[in-house]
Amino acid sequence: MSNKKKSSLKAPLQAVTLVCLSVILGIIVYRNYNPVIATGSEIPTGDILPSVFPKETKTPETRPTAAPEPTPEPTPEPVPEFNPSSADSTRPELLIASTGIMVHGEIVDSYELPEKIDFGFGSDYAAEIIGITAFRGNNFRDSASYGYADITKGKLTKNWTVKSASLVAPDGEVWSGHGWTGQPLIVKWPKETRAIMNMKDWAKEQDELTEVVYAGEDGIIYYLELETGKATRDKQYLGISFKGSGSLDPRGYPILYVGGGYHGPSGTCRAFIISLIDGSILYEFGHNENFALRAWPMFDGSPLVDADTDQLIYPGENGLLYIIKLNTDYDPGSGTLSIEPEVVKWRYQGTKHSGYWLGYEDSPVIWRSHMICSDNGGRLLCLDLNTFELAWVFDCLDDTNDTPVLELEDGHPYIYISTSNRVGLRAPDAAGRYLIPVWKLDAVTGEIVWQKDYDCYSASGLSGGVQGTLAVGKNDLSDLIFVPVARTPNINAGRLAALDKKTGEQVWYKETAMYSWSSPVCVYTKEGKGCIVYCTSGGYMYLLDGLTGETLDYMDLGGNIEASPAVFENTIVVGTRSSIIYGLTLE
């Protein structure tokens, strides 16, 4: 009996003992395992500890926080080398008879720039400024749009208009509104920069403001607010007709570079460097030029500035290339700006079509140290800007006014270009048509990769062929280029042709009753969907699906749209020869 009693008491005692030992062991293990409890720090809310353990109430210890690892800077894309040299078919001596150099007023046999020019990617050209600072945007000339457009309806809506004027030249010729190439410049100035400019008070006081700078054939530079078309400054009358687009300084300096396209009431045509602080002319050049072989001081091209060396590169229709060391002194704090130009000039003489056919009406492409630019005599020149030596020269057949466009494809540079047909330079075929090739060239040698031909008509002073600059597709349009071909298939009509970059084959085309000298603009949504803004001499602006050519919308602007539009996000700006500047919205 007693043995039974002892046995019945022993079992519960053993069970209790085991439970107690388990709890104690669990506490020891948990306190050594859990670093929060082990260090005596406050237990975080939602802890998993048994409720029998009260939370600490003392002030938590201040523990040093480890410095976060810095986010590594993205590795910049390496800039490919560019060392062009001629093939047998592009040897410079085949098309160039002689060259010459003038340095600070003295003719020299040879010369090297003391500060070497070296341009990088087009996307890096105007990294210090928000907007469109040159014709077709940059040194690759591959974009006249900035940012993304939020296009949901595929519609064009007229937002504002501004009346422009006309100018009567000394010979009685009338120039009106905005014509070829006539692309506006658009920039979003920082507020601190606007504070030192000759803007109207309301424009200075805006937290944000995007300005349109637009020189016209009426001899006036217009300064407008992008959103409303309201004048941000007084109009600036210079009395010289402006056909080209000019350029803004890519460093964000308040400087405008713009050249006249024809003589006016103010006298001989010339180029200007203008302070956008007070509107003063800092320097003018190109008129009364003894070194030029052609007395035609017109500047339709859009110059470029090498930010690293403070040098302006400006080709003229007088056959001279100007490289101007600006010696810019800009103090944004005090609002002062000055330059002390030092000028180097380079000229050439052709083996064919000399004299009248010298000079550049297009805008230069610059890649690394080389400029690629076409001329009135059917030559596309690749020139080393540092040594003034020609690498290659391609035969463009005719007066070439469209600007070359450069694209890197797998790191290799290619040039897309076409030409026009000026009456008197080449003979037409039996039907009165001229061959107009569109070329893809190897930029290293100037050799043809492919050629797509069109037959175009012409009229005296109103050339057919390609006058507008082609657009290179990106994003979902990256396989295509878009070429505006004038006076085909008949003398009044035109077409926008989408060509395959690899083969040159025509993928689609948009035919219009009236031809176009305007340059098409590719516009993209954030998703990469590409549309085309395309204008014609018949006064119509079209919005096209870039992949198919389908017309999404169109609008009659009531006058010849010779000028090329620029697009800032959802806003399109373009002027017409009927003396109206339009601001339109993409919806």
Protein backbone atom coordinates (compact mmCIF):
# COMPACT_ATOMS: atom_id res chain seq x y z
CA MET A 1 0.00 0.00 0.00
CA SER A 2 2.75 2.49 0.94
CA ASN A 3 4.63 1.59 -2.22
CA LYS A 4 1.61 2.45 -4.29
CA LYS A 5 1.27 5.88 -2.60
CA LYS A 6 4.88 6.80 -3.21
CA SER A 7 4.54 5.82 -6.80
CA SER A 8 1.43 7.99 -7.33
CA LEU A 9 3.16 11.08 -5.90
CA LYS A 10 6.40 10.54 -7.81
CA ALA A 11 4.87 10.85 -11.28
CA PRO A 12 3.37 14.37 -10.79
CA LEU A 13 6.57 15.58 -9.20
CA GLN A 14 8.61 14.33 -12.14
CA ALA A 15 6.22 16.03 -14.57
CA VAL A 16 6.43 19.37 -12.76
CA THR A 17 10.19 19.10 -12.57
CA LEU A 18 10.41 18.45 -16.31
CA VAL A 19 8.15 21.42 -17.11
CA CYS A 20 10.20 23.75 -14.90
CA LEU A 21 13.45 22.57 -16.41
CA SER A 22 12.04 23.03 -19.92
CA VAL A 23 10.94 26.60 -19.17
CA ILE A 24 14.28 27.52 -17.60
CA LEU A 25 16.20 25.97 -20.48
CA GLY A 26 13.97 27.76 -23.01
CA ILE A 27 14.61 31.10 -21.32
CA ILE A 28 18.36 30.56 -21.33
CA VAL A 29 18.36 29.53 -24.98
CA TYR A 30 16.09 32.38 -26.06
CA ARG A 31 18.07 35.07 -24.21
CA ASN A 32 21.30 33.88 -25.77
CA TYR A 33 19.73 33.50 -29.22
CA ASN A 34 17.74 36.73 -29.40
CA PRO A 35 20.15 39.68 -29.75
CA VAL A 36 17.49 42.23 -28.82
CA ILE A 37 17.05 40.73 -25.37
CA ALA A 38 20.73 39.91 -25.04
CA THR A 39 21.71 43.57 -25.43
CA GLY A 40 18.97 44.83 -23.14
CA SER A 41 17.39 46.95 -25.92
CA GLU A 42 13.70 47.73 -26.10
CA ILE A 43 11.60 44.85 -27.33
CA PRO A 44 9.92 45.83 -30.57
CA THR A 45 6.14 45.96 -30.76
CA GLY A 46 4.64 42.65 -31.81
CA ASP A 47 7.41 40.58 -30.20
CA ILE A 48 6.94 36.84 -29.74
CA LEU A 49 8.16 36.61 -26.11
CA PRO A 50 5.94 34.91 -23.50
CA SER A 51 3.77 37.39 -21.60
CA VAL A 52 5.33 36.31 -18.31
CA PHE A 53 8.39 38.39 -19.26
CA PRO A 54 7.54 42.12 -18.77
CA LYS A 55 8.89 44.58 -21.34
CA GLU A 56 11.78 46.81 -20.39
CA THR A 57 10.72 50.39 -19.59
CA LYS A 58 14.16 52.01 -19.49
CA THR A 59 15.32 54.39 -22.20
CA PRO A 60 16.79 52.42 -25.09
CA GLU A 61 20.45 52.72 -25.72
CA THR A 62 21.57 54.95 -28.56
CA ARG A 63 23.43 52.70 -30.92
CA PRO A 64 25.52 54.08 -33.75
CA THR A 65 23.95 53.59 -37.16
CA ALA A 66 26.27 52.31 -39.81
CA ALA A 67 26.69 54.73 -42.72
CA PRO A 68 24.78 53.50 -45.76
CA GLU A 69 26.80 52.24 -48.65
CA PRO A 70 26.94 55.01 -51.30
CA THR A 71 25.02 54.30 -54.49
CA PRO A 72 27.64 53.72 -57.16
CA GLU A 73 27.67 56.20 -60.02
CA PRO A 74 26.52 54.62 -63.27
CA THR A 75 29.40 53.75 -65.50
CA PRO A 76 29.34 56.23 -68.39
CA GLU A 77 29.00 54.74 -71.83
CA PRO A 78 32.44 54.73 -73.45
CA VAL A 79 32.71 57.14 -76.35
CA PRO A 80 33.83 55.24 -79.47
CA GLU A 81 36.88 56.37 -81.35
CA PHE A 82 36.31 58.06 -84.71
CA ASN A 83 39.24 58.07 -87.10
CA PRO A 84 37.77 58.57 -90.57
CA SER A 85 39.75 58.20 -93.78
CA SER A 86 38.76 58.06 -97.42
CA ALA A 87 38.07 55.14 -99.67
CA ASP A 88 39.11 55.34 -103.31
CA SER A 89 35.74 56.79 -104.28
CA THR A 90 35.76 59.47 -101.54
CA ARG A 91 39.29 60.82 -101.83
CA PRO A 92 39.10 64.60 -101.17
CA GLU A 93 41.16 65.53 -104.24
CA LEU A 94 38.44 64.15 -106.52
CA LEU A 95 36.09 66.99 -105.53
CA ILE A 96 38.27 69.58 -103.78
CA ALA A 97 40.83 71.61 -105.73
CA SER A 98 42.30 73.69 -102.90
CA THR A 99 41.82 74.83 -99.31
CA GLY A 100 43.00 77.78 -97.23
CA ILE A 101 43.28 78.88 -93.59
CA MET A 102 43.21 82.32 -92.00
CA VAL A 103 44.20 82.69 -88.34
CA HIS A 104 43.41 85.97 -86.60
CA GLY A 105 43.53 87.81 -89.93
CA GLU A 106 46.67 86.15 -91.29
CA ILE A 107 46.70 83.51 -94.05
CA VAL A 108 48.75 80.46 -93.04
CA ASP A 109 49.74 77.23 -94.77
CA SER A 110 48.69 74.95 -91.92
CA TYR A 111 47.28 75.23 -88.43
CA GLU A 112 46.20 73.16 -85.44
CA LEU A 113 43.79 74.41 -82.83
CA PRO A 114 45.59 74.87 -79.50
CA GLU A 115 42.48 73.62 -77.66
CA LYS A 116 41.23 70.42 -79.25
CA ILE A 117 37.59 70.06 -80.17
CA ASP A 118 36.06 66.74 -79.15
CA PHE A 119 32.28 66.31 -79.24
CA GLY A 120 30.55 63.38 -77.55
CA PHE A 121 27.13 61.81 -77.89
CA GLY A 122 24.28 63.91 -79.18
CA SER A 123 22.34 63.20 -75.98
CA ASP A 124 25.12 64.90 -73.98
CA TYR A 125 25.35 68.05 -76.11
CA ALA A 126 23.10 70.35 -74.06
CA ALA A 127 23.11 68.50 -70.74
CA GLU A 128 23.15 71.79 -68.78
CA ILE A 129 19.88 73.08 -70.19
CA ILE A 130 16.30 71.83 -70.56
CA GLY A 131 14.96 72.21 -74.07
CA ILE A 132 15.86 72.34 -77.76
CA THR A 133 18.94 74.52 -78.28
CA ALA A 134 19.74 73.98 -81.97
CA PHE A 135 18.26 72.85 -85.27
CA ARG A 136 17.41 69.19 -84.73
CA GLY A 137 18.57 69.39 -81.16
CA ASN A 138 22.25 68.50 -80.98
CA ASN A 139 25.49 67.62 -82.75
CA PHE A 140 23.96 64.41 -84.17
CA ARG A 141 20.97 66.43 -85.49
CA ASP A 142 18.71 63.56 -84.51
CA SER A 143 15.83 65.15 -82.58
CA ALA A 144 13.58 68.22 -82.62
CA SER A 145 11.46 67.08 -79.67
CA TYR A 146 12.16 67.25 -75.95
CA GLY A 147 10.74 64.97 -73.28
CA TYR A 148 7.73 62.72 -73.66
CA ALA A 149 4.25 63.50 -74.92
CA ASP A 150 1.19 62.18 -73.14
CA ILE A 151 -0.80 61.21 -76.25
CA THR A 152 -4.07 59.46 -75.45
CA LYS A 153 -6.49 60.69 -78.14
CA GLY A 154 -4.16 61.14 -81.10
CA LYS A 155 -5.44 64.68 -81.68
CA LEU A 156 -4.02 68.10 -82.58
CA THR A 157 -5.52 71.10 -80.75
CA LYS A 158 -4.79 74.74 -81.53
CA ASN A 159 -3.73 76.45 -78.30
CA TRP A 160 -2.48 79.94 -79.22
CA THR A 161 -1.38 82.08 -82.17
CA VAL A 162 0.93 85.08 -82.49
CA LYS A 163 0.98 87.40 -85.50
CA SER A 164 4.35 87.91 -87.16
CA ALA A 165 5.22 90.38 -89.93
CA SER A 166 7.08 90.79 -93.22
CA LEU A 167 10.24 92.49 -94.46
CA VAL A 168 11.08 94.15 -97.78
CA ALA A 169 14.67 93.57 -98.86
CA PRO A 170 16.71 96.29 -100.64
CA ASP A 171 16.05 94.56 -103.99
CA GLY A 172 12.30 94.65 -103.36
CA GLU A 173 11.93 90.97 -102.45
CA VAL A 174 9.39 90.38 -99.67
CA TRP A 175 10.12 87.95 -96.86
CA SER A 176 7.31 87.07 -94.47
CA GLY A 177 6.61 85.03 -91.37
CA HIS A 178 8.78 81.97 -90.88
CA GLY A 179 10.18 79.85 -93.71
CA TRP A 180 12.78 77.16 -94.38
CA THR A 181 14.39 76.00 -92.11
CA GLY A 182 12.76 78.14 -89.44
CA GLN A 183 12.75 75.82 -86.42
CA PRO A 184 12.03 77.53 -83.07
CA LEU A 185 14.36 77.14 -80.10
CA ILE A 186 12.73 76.25 -76.79
CA VAL A 187 14.34 76.46 -73.35
CA LYS A 188 13.20 76.16 -69.75
CA TRP A 189 15.30 78.84 -68.05
CA PRO A 190 16.10 78.53 -64.33
CA LYS A 191 14.47 81.26 -62.25
CA GLU A 192 17.85 82.68 -61.20
CA THR A 193 18.82 83.10 -64.87
CA ARG A 194 15.52 84.79 -65.72
CA ALA A 195 16.12 87.20 -62.86
CA ILE A 196 19.04 88.82 -64.71
CA MET A 197 17.38 88.86 -68.15
CA ASN A 198 15.46 91.65 -69.86
CA MET A 199 12.24 89.69 -69.43
CA LYS A 200 8.97 91.22 -68.39
CA ASP A 201 8.41 91.17 -64.63
CA TRP A 202 5.68 88.54 -64.74
CA ALA A 203 8.00 86.21 -66.67
CA LYS A 204 10.80 86.67 -64.15
CA GLU A 205 8.49 85.97 -61.23
CA GLN A 206 7.08 82.68 -62.49
CA ASP A 207 8.35 79.67 -60.54
CA GLU A 208 8.82 77.87 -63.85
CA LEU A 209 8.81 79.23 -67.38
CA THR A 210 9.66 77.74 -70.76
CA GLU A 211 10.54 80.27 -73.46
CA VAL A 212 10.30 80.05 -77.25
CA VAL A 213 13.06 81.99 -79.07
CA TYR A 214 12.07 82.34 -82.72
CA ALA A 215 13.87 84.40 -85.39
CA GLY A 216 11.77 85.14 -88.48
CA GLU A 217 12.03 86.18 -92.09
CA ASP A 218 10.53 89.51 -91.00
CA GLY A 219 13.82 90.39 -89.28
CA ILE A 220 12.32 90.00 -85.80
CA ILE A 221 13.29 87.68 -82.94
CA TYR A 222 10.19 86.67 -80.97
CA TYR A 223 10.32 85.69 -77.30
CA LEU A 224 7.20 83.83 -76.19
CA GLU A 225 5.96 81.77 -73.29
CA LEU A 226 5.53 78.20 -74.49
CA GLU A 227 2.30 77.58 -72.61
CA THR A 228 0.36 80.68 -73.71
CA GLY A 229 2.27 82.42 -76.52
CA LYS A 230 2.43 85.55 -74.36
CA ALA A 231 5.46 87.78 -75.05
CA THR A 232 8.13 87.21 -72.39
CA ARG A 233 10.17 90.16 -73.68
CA ASP A 234 9.81 92.89 -76.26
CA LYS A 235 10.28 91.78 -79.87
CA GLN A 236 13.83 92.33 -81.11
CA TYR A 237 14.01 93.86 -84.59
CA LEU A 238 17.34 93.40 -86.36
CA GLY A 239 16.25 94.26 -89.92
CA ILE A 240 17.88 91.18 -91.52
CA SER A 241 15.73 88.32 -92.77
CA PHE A 242 16.30 85.12 -90.78
CA LYS A 243 15.67 81.83 -92.57
CA GLY A 244 17.77 79.55 -90.39
CA SER A 245 17.09 78.39 -86.85
CA GLY A 246 20.04 79.75 -84.88
CA SER A 247 21.27 78.15 -81.66
CA LEU A 248 21.26 78.76 -77.93
CA ASP A 249 24.39 78.19 -75.89
CA PRO A 250 24.32 74.55 -74.70
CA ARG A 251 26.00 75.47 -71.39
CA GLY A 252 22.90 77.33 -70.26
CA TYR A 253 24.62 80.68 -70.82
CA PRO A 254 22.17 83.39 -71.94
CA ILE A 255 23.59 83.65 -75.48
CA LEU A 256 21.85 83.38 -78.87
CA TYR A 257 23.79 82.65 -82.07
CA VAL A 258 21.80 83.44 -85.21
CA GLY A 259 22.61 84.28 -88.83
CA GLY A 260 20.73 86.22 -91.46
CA GLY A 261 19.37 84.53 -94.56
CA TYR A 262 18.95 87.62 -96.74
CA HIS A 263 19.77 91.32 -96.77
CA GLY A 264 17.31 93.73 -95.20
CA PRO A 265 16.66 97.35 -94.25
CA SER A 266 19.55 97.12 -91.76
CA GLY A 267 22.01 96.40 -94.54
CA THR A 268 24.21 93.48 -95.53
CA CYS A 269 23.38 90.05 -94.21
CA ARG A 270 25.58 88.72 -91.40
CA ALA A 271 25.72 86.53 -88.30
CA PHE A 272 25.09 87.75 -84.75
CA ILE A 273 26.04 86.72 -81.23
CA ILE A 274 23.39 88.22 -78.93
CA SER A 275 23.28 88.57 -75.15
CA LEU A 276 19.98 87.35 -73.76
CA ILE A 277 20.62 89.35 -70.61
CA ASP A 278 19.98 92.71 -72.22
CA GLY A 279 19.55 91.95 -75.95
CA SER A 280 22.82 93.60 -76.92
CA ILE A 281 24.84 92.40 -79.90
CA LEU A 282 28.10 91.04 -78.55
CA TYR A 283 29.64 90.35 -81.95
CA GLU A 284 28.70 90.24 -85.64
CA PHE A 285 30.63 88.76 -88.54
CA GLY A 286 30.45 87.38 -92.08
CA HIS A 287 29.85 90.61 -94.02
CA ASN A 288 32.61 92.37 -95.98
CA GLU A 289 34.58 89.13 -95.95
CA ASN A 290 37.76 89.41 -98.04
CA PHE A 291 38.85 85.82 -97.39
CA ALA A 292 35.68 84.31 -98.85
CA LEU A 293 35.66 83.03 -102.43
CA ARG A 294 31.93 83.72 -102.71
CA ALA A 295 30.38 87.07 -101.82
CA TRP A 296 27.21 85.67 -100.26
CA PRO A 297 27.20 86.38 -96.48
CA MET A 298 24.18 84.24 -95.60
CA PHE A 299 23.91 81.90 -92.61
CA ASP A 300 21.05 79.43 -92.86
CA GLY A 301 22.78 76.77 -90.78
CA SER A 302 22.52 76.28 -87.03
CA PRO A 303 25.95 76.49 -85.36
CA LEU A 304 27.30 74.39 -82.50
CA VAL A 305 29.34 75.31 -79.43
CA ASP A 306 32.05 73.10 -77.97
CA ALA A 307 31.41 73.64 -74.26
CA ASP A 308 34.77 72.30 -73.07
CA THR A 309 36.86 74.66 -75.21
CA ASP A 310 34.45 77.62 -75.47
CA GLN A 311 34.54 77.54 -79.29
CA LEU A 312 31.76 78.32 -81.77
CA ILE A 313 31.65 76.30 -85.03
CA TYR A 314 29.65 78.15 -87.71
CA PRO A 315 29.65 77.32 -91.47
CA GLY A 316 28.48 80.06 -93.85
CA GLU A 317 27.04 80.18 -97.34
CA ASN A 318 30.03 82.29 -98.35
CA GLY A 319 32.07 79.08 -98.32
CA LEU A 320 33.83 79.82 -95.03
CA LEU A 321 33.87 77.76 -91.88
CA TYR A 322 34.31 79.95 -88.79
CA ILE A 323 35.79 78.56 -85.59
CA ILE A 324 35.59 81.29 -82.99
CA LYS A 325 37.27 81.09 -79.60
CA LEU A 326 34.73 83.10 -77.61
CA ASN A 327 36.66 83.77 -74.39
CA THR A 328 33.31 83.96 -72.63
CA ASP A 329 33.14 85.73 -69.28
CA TYR A 330 29.74 85.06 -67.71
CA ASP A 331 28.96 85.91 -64.09
CA PRO A 332 25.38 84.89 -63.27
CA GLY A 333 25.64 86.43 -59.82
CA SER A 334 26.30 89.94 -61.08
CA GLY A 335 24.40 89.44 -64.34
CA THR A 336 27.37 90.29 -66.58
CA LEU A 337 28.37 88.67 -69.86
CA SER A 338 31.14 89.46 -72.34
CA ILE A 339 33.14 87.74 -75.06
CA GLU A 340 36.48 88.45 -76.78
CA PRO A 341 36.34 86.54 -80.09
CA GLU A 342 39.44 85.07 -81.75
CA VAL A 343 38.56 83.89 -85.25
CA VAL A 344 39.96 81.09 -87.40
CA LYS A 345 38.53 80.59 -90.92
CA TRP A 346 38.77 77.70 -93.35
CA ARG A 347 37.80 77.79 -97.03
CA TYR A 348 37.79 75.41 -99.97
CA GLN A 349 37.46 75.46 -103.73
CA GLY A 350 35.75 72.62 -105.62
CA THR A 351 36.81 70.82 -108.76
CA LYS A 352 33.26 71.24 -110.14
CA HIS A 353 30.40 73.70 -109.66
CA SER A 354 32.75 76.35 -108.26
CA GLY A 355 31.97 79.96 -107.47
CA TYR A 356 28.22 80.25 -107.02
CA TRP A 357 28.04 76.69 -105.75
CA LEU A 358 30.28 77.16 -102.74
CA GLY A 359 28.97 77.40 -99.21
CA TYR A 360 26.76 75.61 -96.71
CA GLU A 361 23.02 76.00 -96.20
CA ASP A 362 22.66 72.98 -93.94
CA SER A 363 23.73 72.58 -90.31
CA PRO A 364 26.92 70.72 -89.36
CA VAL A 365 27.07 67.34 -87.69
CA ILE A 366 30.10 67.03 -85.40
CA TRP A 367 31.29 63.71 -84.01
CA ARG A 368 34.45 63.71 -81.92
CA SER A 369 36.84 66.07 -83.76
CA HIS A 370 35.24 65.89 -87.22
CA MET A 371 32.56 68.02 -88.87
CA ILE A 372 30.34 66.46 -91.55
CA CYS A 373 28.52 69.08 -93.64
CA SER A 374 27.14 69.34 -97.19
CA ASP A 375 27.34 72.27 -99.57
CA ASN A 376 25.60 73.96 -102.50
CA GLY A 377 27.82 72.19 -105.03
CA GLY A 378 26.97 68.58 -104.26
CA ARG A 379 29.75 67.79 -101.81
CA LEU A 380 29.51 66.21 -98.36
CA LEU A 381 32.72 67.05 -96.52
CA CYS A 382 34.24 65.30 -93.50
CA LEU A 383 36.75 67.74 -91.99
CA ASP A 384 39.05 67.42 -88.98
CA LEU A 385 38.32 70.62 -87.05
CA ASN A 386 41.58 70.48 -85.13
CA THR A 387 43.92 70.20 -88.12
CA PHE A 388 41.71 71.46 -91.01
CA GLU A 389 42.46 68.32 -92.99
CA LEU A 390 39.76 66.62 -95.05
CA ALA A 391 39.20 62.95 -94.24
CA TRP A 392 36.80 62.23 -97.11
CA VAL A 393 34.40 63.97 -99.51
CA PHE A 394 31.26 62.31 -100.89
CA ASP A 395 29.60 63.30 -104.18
CA CYS A 396 25.98 64.32 -103.37
CA LEU A 397 25.33 65.16 -107.05
CA ASP A 398 23.44 68.42 -106.47
CA ASP A 399 22.76 71.42 -104.24
CA THR A 400 22.30 69.73 -100.86
CA ASN A 401 20.24 71.59 -98.27
CA ASP A 402 19.00 68.92 -95.90
CA THR A 403 21.17 68.51 -92.82
CA PRO A 404 23.00 65.17 -92.46
CA VAL A 405 21.94 63.03 -89.50
CA LEU A 406 24.40 60.81 -87.63
CA GLU A 407 23.49 57.61 -85.82
CA LEU A 408 25.64 55.10 -83.97
CA GLU A 409 24.55 51.55 -84.72
CA ASP A 410 26.37 48.99 -82.57
CA GLY A 411 28.93 51.71 -81.93
CA HIS A 412 29.59 52.37 -85.63
CA PRO A 413 28.71 55.80 -87.07
CA TYR A 414 26.47 56.18 -90.11
CA ILE A 415 25.19 59.24 -91.94
CA TYR A 416 21.72 59.55 -93.47
CA ILE A 417 21.39 62.23 -96.14
CA SER A 418 19.73 63.08 -99.44
CA THR A 419 19.92 65.98 -101.90
CA SER A 420 17.73 68.35 -103.92
CA ASN A 421 17.66 69.39 -107.56
CA ARG A 422 18.41 73.01 -108.33
CA VAL A 423 17.56 73.94 -111.90
CA GLY A 424 20.75 74.50 -113.91
CA LEU A 425 23.10 72.25 -111.99
CA ARG A 426 22.10 68.90 -113.55
CA ALA A 427 20.16 67.96 -116.64
CA PRO A 428 16.75 66.29 -116.11
CA ASP A 429 15.61 63.13 -117.85
CA ALA A 430 13.29 63.15 -120.89
CA ALA A 431 10.25 63.52 -118.61
CA GLY A 432 11.76 66.54 -116.84
CA ARG A 433 12.56 64.63 -113.66
CA TYR A 434 15.72 64.49 -111.56
CA LEU A 435 17.17 61.51 -109.72
CA ILE A 436 17.04 62.09 -105.95
CA PRO A 437 18.85 59.39 -103.97
CA VAL A 438 18.51 58.89 -100.24
CA TRP A 439 21.79 57.51 -98.87
CA LYS A 440 23.02 55.68 -95.86
CA LEU A 441 26.77 56.26 -95.68
CA ASP A 442 29.52 54.74 -93.60
CA ALA A 443 30.74 57.79 -91.68
CA VAL A 444 34.24 56.33 -91.37
CA THR A 445 34.90 56.28 -95.12
CA GLY A 446 31.99 58.14 -96.72
CA GLU A 447 31.10 55.04 -98.76
CA ILE A 448 27.53 54.12 -99.66
CA VAL A 449 25.86 51.44 -97.52
CA TRP A 450 22.58 51.64 -99.45
CA GLN A 451 20.77 54.01 -101.80
CA LYS A 452 17.03 54.52 -102.36
CA ASP A 453 16.08 56.56 -105.45
CA TYR A 454 13.15 58.87 -106.15
CA ASP A 455 12.25 60.78 -109.33
CA CYS A 456 11.39 64.41 -108.60
CA TYR A 457 10.47 67.52 -110.55
CA SER A 458 11.76 71.01 -109.91
CA ALA A 459 11.04 74.68 -110.53
CA SER A 460 13.43 77.61 -110.68
CA GLY A 461 14.12 78.77 -107.13
CA LEU A 462 11.75 76.16 -105.66
CA SER A 463 13.72 72.93 -105.70
CA GLY A 464 12.31 69.46 -105.54
CA GLY A 465 14.00 66.57 -103.81
CA VAL A 466 14.76 66.55 -100.10
CA GLN A 467 14.89 70.02 -98.52
CA GLY A 468 13.64 69.06 -95.08
CA THR A 469 15.95 67.04 -92.83
CA LEU A 470 15.04 63.41 -92.35
CA ALA A 471 14.11 62.05 -88.91
CA VAL A 472 15.81 59.01 -87.36
CA GLY A 473 13.44 56.75 -85.43
CA LYS A 474 14.04 55.64 -81.85
CA ASN A 475 12.15 53.48 -79.35
CA ASP A 476 9.47 51.53 -81.26
CA LEU A 477 10.50 53.38 -84.44
CA SER A 478 14.16 52.39 -84.13
CA ASP A 479 14.13 50.42 -87.41
CA LEU A 480 12.97 53.38 -89.52
CA ILE A 481 14.02 56.74 -90.93
CA PHE A 482 11.50 59.28 -92.25
CA VAL A 483 12.31 61.25 -95.41
CA PRO A 484 10.29 64.23 -96.77
CA VAL A 485 10.53 64.04 -100.58
CA ALA A 486 9.29 67.14 -102.44
CA ARG A 487 7.76 67.35 -105.93
CA THR A 488 7.06 63.68 -106.44
CA PRO A 489 5.23 61.94 -108.11
CA ASN A 490 4.22 65.24 -109.77
CA ILE A 491 5.54 68.79 -109.53
CA ASN A 492 3.20 69.89 -106.73
CA ALA A 493 2.87 66.71 -104.68
CA GLY A 494 5.11 65.19 -102.06
CA ARG A 495 5.51 62.18 -99.84
CA LEU A 496 6.85 61.27 -96.44
CA ALA A 497 8.67 57.96 -96.87
CA ALA A 498 9.47 55.58 -94.02
CA LEU A 499 12.58 53.57 -94.96
CA ASP A 500 14.12 50.55 -93.31
CA LYS A 501 17.47 51.51 -91.76
CA LYS A 502 19.13 48.22 -92.64
CA THR A 503 18.01 47.91 -96.27
CA GLY A 504 16.66 51.27 -97.43
CA GLU A 505 13.43 49.63 -98.54
CA GLN A 506 10.29 51.74 -98.32
CA VAL A 507 8.08 50.42 -95.50
CA TRP A 508 5.24 52.93 -95.92
CA TYR A 509 4.65 56.38 -97.35
CA LYS A 510 2.22 59.25 -96.89
CA GLU A 511 1.41 61.09 -100.11
CA THR A 512 0.09 64.66 -99.97
CA ALA A 513 -1.31 66.98 -102.64
CA MET A 514 1.34 69.59 -101.81
CA TYR A 515 5.05 68.96 -101.23
CA SER A 516 7.00 69.63 -98.03
CA TRP A 517 10.21 71.49 -97.25
CA SER A 518 9.53 71.13 -93.54
CA SER A 519 11.38 68.55 -91.45
CA PRO A 520 9.30 65.78 -89.83
CA VAL A 521 9.54 65.38 -86.05
CA CYS A 522 9.36 62.11 -84.10
CA VAL A 523 7.47 62.40 -80.80
CA TYR A 524 7.32 59.63 -78.20
CA THR A 525 5.18 58.65 -75.24
CA LYS A 526 6.76 57.36 -72.02
CA GLU A 527 5.94 53.85 -73.23
CA GLY A 528 8.06 54.41 -76.36
CA LYS A 529 5.19 54.74 -78.83
CA GLY A 530 6.28 56.99 -81.68
CA CYS A 531 4.21 59.45 -83.71
CA ILE A 532 5.27 61.80 -86.51
CA VAL A 533 4.43 65.50 -86.82
CA TYR A 534 4.61 66.36 -90.54
CA CYS A 535 3.85 69.71 -92.24
CA THR A 536 3.38 70.67 -95.92
CA SER A 537 3.48 73.73 -98.14
CA GLY A 538 -0.28 73.32 -98.49
CA GLY A 539 -0.64 74.50 -94.91
CA TYR A 540 -1.52 71.16 -93.34
CA MET A 541 -0.02 69.64 -90.22
CA TYR A 542 -0.44 65.88 -89.88
CA LEU A 543 -0.11 63.61 -86.86
CA LEU A 544 0.85 60.13 -88.10
CA ASP A 545 1.35 56.75 -86.50
CA GLY A 546 5.09 56.23 -86.93
CA LEU A 547 4.89 52.47 -87.47
CA THR A 548 2.15 52.45 -90.08
CA GLY A 549 1.82 55.96 -91.50
CA GLU A 550 -1.86 56.02 -90.53
CA THR A 551 -3.20 59.58 -90.23
CA LEU A 552 -4.33 60.07 -86.63
CA ASP A 553 -5.31 63.72 -87.11
CA TYR A 554 -4.60 66.75 -89.29
CA MET A 555 -5.14 70.50 -89.14
CA ASP A 556 -5.18 73.28 -91.73
CA LEU A 557 -3.00 76.17 -90.50
CA GLY A 558 -3.98 78.35 -93.43
CA GLY A 559 -0.58 79.04 -94.96
CA ASN A 560 2.60 77.47 -96.30
CA ILE A 561 4.42 75.61 -93.50
CA GLU A 562 7.94 75.78 -94.86
CA ALA A 563 9.44 76.00 -91.38
CA SER A 564 10.23 72.97 -89.23
CA PRO A 565 8.32 72.49 -85.97
CA ALA A 566 9.84 71.85 -82.57
CA VAL A 567 8.00 69.85 -79.90
CA PHE A 568 8.43 70.32 -76.14
CA GLU A 569 6.60 67.50 -74.35
CA ASN A 570 2.98 67.96 -75.55
CA THR A 571 3.39 71.37 -77.21
CA ILE A 572 4.22 71.95 -80.89
CA VAL A 573 5.47 75.34 -82.11
CA VAL A 574 5.81 76.33 -85.76
CA GLY A 575 5.51 79.48 -87.87
CA THR A 576 4.04 79.88 -91.35
CA ARG A 577 4.86 82.04 -94.36
CA SER A 578 1.44 83.64 -93.87
CA SER A 579 2.86 85.38 -90.77
CA ILE A 580 1.33 83.38 -87.93
CA ILE A 581 3.15 81.47 -85.20
CA TYR A 582 1.17 78.55 -83.81
CA GLY A 583 1.28 76.78 -80.48
CA LEU A 584 -0.56 73.44 -80.68
CA THR A 585 -1.19 70.70 -78.16
CA LEU A 586 -0.85 66.96 -78.69
CA GLU A 587 -3.69 65.13 -76.98
